[in-house]
N, C-alpha and C. Protein backbone atom coordinates (compact mmCIF):
# COMPACT_ATOMS: atom_id res chain seq x y z
N UNK A 1 0.84 -17.70 -2.74
CA UNK A 1 1.85 -16.69 -2.89
C UNK A 1 2.89 -16.89 -1.78
N UNK A 2 4.13 -16.77 -2.15
CA UNK A 2 5.22 -16.98 -1.20
C UNK A 2 5.25 -15.86 -0.15
N UNK A 3 5.61 -16.22 1.08
CA UNK A 3 5.63 -15.20 2.14
C UNK A 3 6.58 -14.04 1.84
N UNK A 4 7.69 -14.32 1.17
CA UNK A 4 8.62 -13.23 0.85
C UNK A 4 7.95 -12.17 0.00
N UNK A 5 7.12 -12.58 -0.93
CA UNK A 5 6.47 -11.63 -1.85
C UNK A 5 5.48 -10.75 -1.12
N UNK A 6 4.58 -11.34 -0.33
CA UNK A 6 3.56 -10.52 0.30
C UNK A 6 4.10 -9.70 1.46
N UNK A 7 5.12 -10.21 2.16
CA UNK A 7 5.72 -9.42 3.23
C UNK A 7 6.48 -8.23 2.64
N UNK A 8 7.21 -8.47 1.55
CA UNK A 8 7.91 -7.37 0.87
C UNK A 8 6.93 -6.35 0.33
N UNK A 9 5.81 -6.80 -0.22
CA UNK A 9 4.80 -5.87 -0.74
C UNK A 9 4.22 -5.02 0.39
N UNK A 10 3.96 -5.63 1.54
CA UNK A 10 3.45 -4.86 2.67
C UNK A 10 4.47 -3.83 3.15
N UNK A 11 5.72 -4.23 3.20
CA UNK A 11 6.77 -3.31 3.65
C UNK A 11 6.96 -2.17 2.65
N UNK A 12 6.91 -2.49 1.35
CA UNK A 12 7.09 -1.45 0.33
C UNK A 12 5.90 -0.51 0.25
N UNK A 13 4.73 -0.97 0.67
CA UNK A 13 3.57 -0.08 0.61
C UNK A 13 3.68 1.06 1.62
N UNK A 14 4.36 0.83 2.73
CA UNK A 14 4.44 1.84 3.78
C UNK A 14 5.12 3.14 3.32
N UNK A 15 6.32 3.09 2.71
CA UNK A 15 6.92 4.37 2.29
C UNK A 15 6.14 5.07 1.18
N UNK A 16 5.51 4.29 0.29
CA UNK A 16 4.74 4.92 -0.77
C UNK A 16 3.50 5.62 -0.21
N UNK A 17 2.80 4.97 0.71
CA UNK A 17 1.63 5.59 1.31
C UNK A 17 2.01 6.78 2.20
N UNK A 18 3.13 6.67 2.90
CA UNK A 18 3.59 7.79 3.71
C UNK A 18 4.00 8.96 2.82
N UNK A 19 4.68 8.68 1.72
CA UNK A 19 5.06 9.74 0.78
C UNK A 19 3.84 10.40 0.16
N UNK A 20 2.83 9.60 -0.16
CA UNK A 20 1.60 10.17 -0.71
C UNK A 20 0.90 11.05 0.31
N UNK A 21 0.88 10.61 1.56
CA UNK A 21 0.23 11.41 2.60
C UNK A 21 0.98 12.72 2.83
N UNK A 22 2.31 12.65 2.85
CA UNK A 22 3.11 13.86 3.06
C UNK A 22 2.93 14.84 1.90
N UNK A 23 2.95 14.32 0.67
CA UNK A 23 2.79 15.18 -0.50
C UNK A 23 1.38 15.76 -0.56
N UNK A 24 0.38 14.95 -0.23
CA UNK A 24 -0.99 15.45 -0.23
C UNK A 24 -1.17 16.53 0.83
N UNK A 25 -0.55 16.34 1.97
CA UNK A 25 -0.63 17.36 3.03
C UNK A 25 0.01 18.67 2.57
N UNK A 26 1.11 18.55 1.84
CA UNK A 26 1.79 19.73 1.31
C UNK A 26 0.93 20.42 0.25
N UNK A 27 0.27 19.65 -0.60
CA UNK A 27 -0.56 20.21 -1.66
C UNK A 27 -1.80 20.88 -1.07
N UNK A 28 -2.37 20.29 -0.03
CA UNK A 28 -3.59 20.85 0.56
C UNK A 28 -3.35 22.22 1.20
N UNK A 29 -2.12 22.53 1.52
CA UNK A 29 -1.81 23.82 2.12
C UNK A 29 -1.73 24.95 1.12
N UNK A 30 -1.85 24.66 -0.14
CA UNK A 30 -1.75 25.69 -1.18
C UNK A 30 -3.11 25.95 -1.80
N UNK A 31 -3.21 27.05 -2.51
CA UNK A 31 -4.50 27.45 -3.07
C UNK A 31 -4.88 26.65 -4.31
N UNK A 32 -3.91 26.30 -5.13
CA UNK A 32 -4.20 25.63 -6.40
C UNK A 32 -4.02 24.11 -6.28
N UNK A 33 -5.00 23.45 -5.72
CA UNK A 33 -4.89 22.01 -5.46
C UNK A 33 -4.93 21.22 -6.77
N UNK A 34 -5.90 21.53 -7.63
CA UNK A 34 -6.09 20.71 -8.83
C UNK A 34 -5.07 21.01 -9.92
N UNK A 35 -4.54 22.21 -9.97
CA UNK A 35 -3.58 22.55 -11.02
C UNK A 35 -2.13 22.41 -10.57
N UNK A 36 -1.92 22.06 -9.32
CA UNK A 36 -0.56 21.92 -8.81
C UNK A 36 0.06 20.62 -9.34
N UNK A 37 1.26 20.68 -9.92
CA UNK A 37 1.89 19.46 -10.44
C UNK A 37 2.24 18.46 -9.33
N UNK A 38 2.36 18.91 -8.11
CA UNK A 38 2.67 17.99 -7.02
C UNK A 38 1.50 17.05 -6.71
N UNK A 39 0.29 17.44 -7.09
CA UNK A 39 -0.86 16.57 -6.85
C UNK A 39 -0.76 15.31 -7.71
N UNK A 40 -0.18 15.42 -8.90
CA UNK A 40 0.03 14.23 -9.74
C UNK A 40 1.03 13.29 -9.08
N UNK A 41 2.03 13.84 -8.45
CA UNK A 41 3.01 13.02 -7.73
C UNK A 41 2.33 12.30 -6.57
N UNK A 42 1.48 13.01 -5.84
CA UNK A 42 0.79 12.40 -4.70
C UNK A 42 -0.12 11.27 -5.16
N UNK A 43 -0.82 11.48 -6.25
CA UNK A 43 -1.71 10.43 -6.77
C UNK A 43 -0.91 9.24 -7.27
N UNK A 44 0.21 9.48 -7.90
CA UNK A 44 1.07 8.39 -8.36
C UNK A 44 1.61 7.55 -7.21
N UNK A 45 2.07 8.21 -6.18
CA UNK A 45 2.56 7.49 -5.00
C UNK A 45 1.43 6.74 -4.31
N UNK A 46 0.23 7.36 -4.29
CA UNK A 46 -0.91 6.72 -3.65
C UNK A 46 -1.30 5.44 -4.39
N UNK A 47 -1.39 5.50 -5.71
CA UNK A 47 -1.76 4.31 -6.48
C UNK A 47 -0.71 3.21 -6.36
N UNK A 48 0.55 3.57 -6.39
CA UNK A 48 1.61 2.58 -6.23
C UNK A 48 1.54 1.93 -4.86
N UNK A 49 1.36 2.74 -3.83
CA UNK A 49 1.25 2.21 -2.48
C UNK A 49 0.03 1.32 -2.30
N UNK A 50 -1.09 1.70 -2.91
CA UNK A 50 -2.29 0.88 -2.81
C UNK A 50 -2.14 -0.44 -3.55
N UNK A 51 -1.43 -0.43 -4.67
CA UNK A 51 -1.20 -1.69 -5.39
C UNK A 51 -0.31 -2.62 -4.58
N UNK A 52 0.75 -2.08 -3.98
CA UNK A 52 1.58 -2.91 -3.10
C UNK A 52 0.78 -3.42 -1.91
N UNK A 53 -0.04 -2.56 -1.33
CA UNK A 53 -0.85 -2.96 -0.19
C UNK A 53 -1.85 -4.05 -0.58
N UNK A 54 -2.46 -3.91 -1.73
CA UNK A 54 -3.39 -4.93 -2.21
C UNK A 54 -2.72 -6.27 -2.44
N UNK A 55 -1.53 -6.25 -3.00
CA UNK A 55 -0.78 -7.49 -3.20
C UNK A 55 -0.41 -8.12 -1.87
N UNK A 56 0.03 -7.31 -0.94
CA UNK A 56 0.41 -7.83 0.37
C UNK A 56 -0.76 -8.40 1.15
N UNK A 57 -1.89 -7.72 1.11
CA UNK A 57 -3.07 -8.20 1.82
C UNK A 57 -3.61 -9.47 1.18
N UNK A 58 -3.51 -9.54 -0.14
CA UNK A 58 -3.97 -10.75 -0.83
C UNK A 58 -3.18 -11.97 -0.38
N UNK A 59 -1.87 -11.84 -0.30
CA UNK A 59 -1.05 -12.95 0.16
C UNK A 59 -1.22 -13.22 1.64
N UNK A 60 -1.45 -12.18 2.41
CA UNK A 60 -1.62 -12.32 3.85
C UNK A 60 -2.90 -13.09 4.15
N UNK A 61 -3.98 -12.78 3.44
CA UNK A 61 -5.24 -13.49 3.65
C UNK A 61 -5.11 -14.96 3.27
N UNK A 62 -4.44 -15.26 2.18
CA UNK A 62 -4.23 -16.64 1.76
C UNK A 62 -3.39 -17.38 2.80
N UNK A 63 -2.39 -16.70 3.32
CA UNK A 63 -1.52 -17.31 4.34
C UNK A 63 -2.32 -17.61 5.61
N UNK A 64 -3.19 -16.70 6.01
CA UNK A 64 -4.00 -16.92 7.22
C UNK A 64 -4.96 -18.09 7.04
N UNK A 65 -5.56 -18.21 5.84
CA UNK A 65 -6.46 -19.33 5.58
C UNK A 65 -5.72 -20.65 5.62
N UNK A 66 -4.53 -20.68 5.03
CA UNK A 66 -3.74 -21.92 5.02
C UNK A 66 -3.30 -22.29 6.42
N UNK A 67 -2.92 -21.32 7.23
CA UNK A 67 -2.51 -21.58 8.59
C UNK A 67 -3.69 -22.06 9.43
N UNK A 68 -4.85 -21.50 9.19
CA UNK A 68 -6.04 -21.90 9.93
C UNK A 68 -6.45 -23.32 9.56
N UNK A 69 -6.33 -23.70 8.29
CA UNK A 69 -6.70 -25.03 7.84
C UNK A 69 -5.76 -26.09 8.41
N UNK A 70 -4.46 -25.78 8.48
CA UNK A 70 -3.51 -26.76 9.02
C UNK A 70 -3.67 -26.91 10.52
N UNK A 71 -4.03 -25.83 11.21
CA UNK A 71 -4.19 -25.93 12.66
C UNK A 71 -5.48 -26.67 13.03
N UNK A 72 -6.49 -26.62 12.19
CA UNK A 72 -7.74 -27.31 12.49
C UNK A 72 -7.67 -28.81 12.19
N UNK A 73 -6.71 -29.22 11.36
CA UNK A 73 -6.57 -30.63 11.02
C UNK A 73 -5.92 -31.43 12.14
N UNK A 74 -5.10 -30.79 12.94
CA UNK A 74 -4.37 -31.55 13.98
C UNK A 74 -5.18 -31.72 15.22
């Protein structure tokens, strides 16, 4: 995976996870957690952020393995 893709995915995961955390914090302060429509927004942001994070970590791990293999050859 190209570095641009996984670095961009890692950067894009941050606002989505922060938005999910902020929305979840707002929802937890109210009485109707499960019936509140904002909880769907928090879950949507959370899943999107986790998918970006998973893509970024996948490329990051591959990049670390490739860098480790090239450094051990020299």
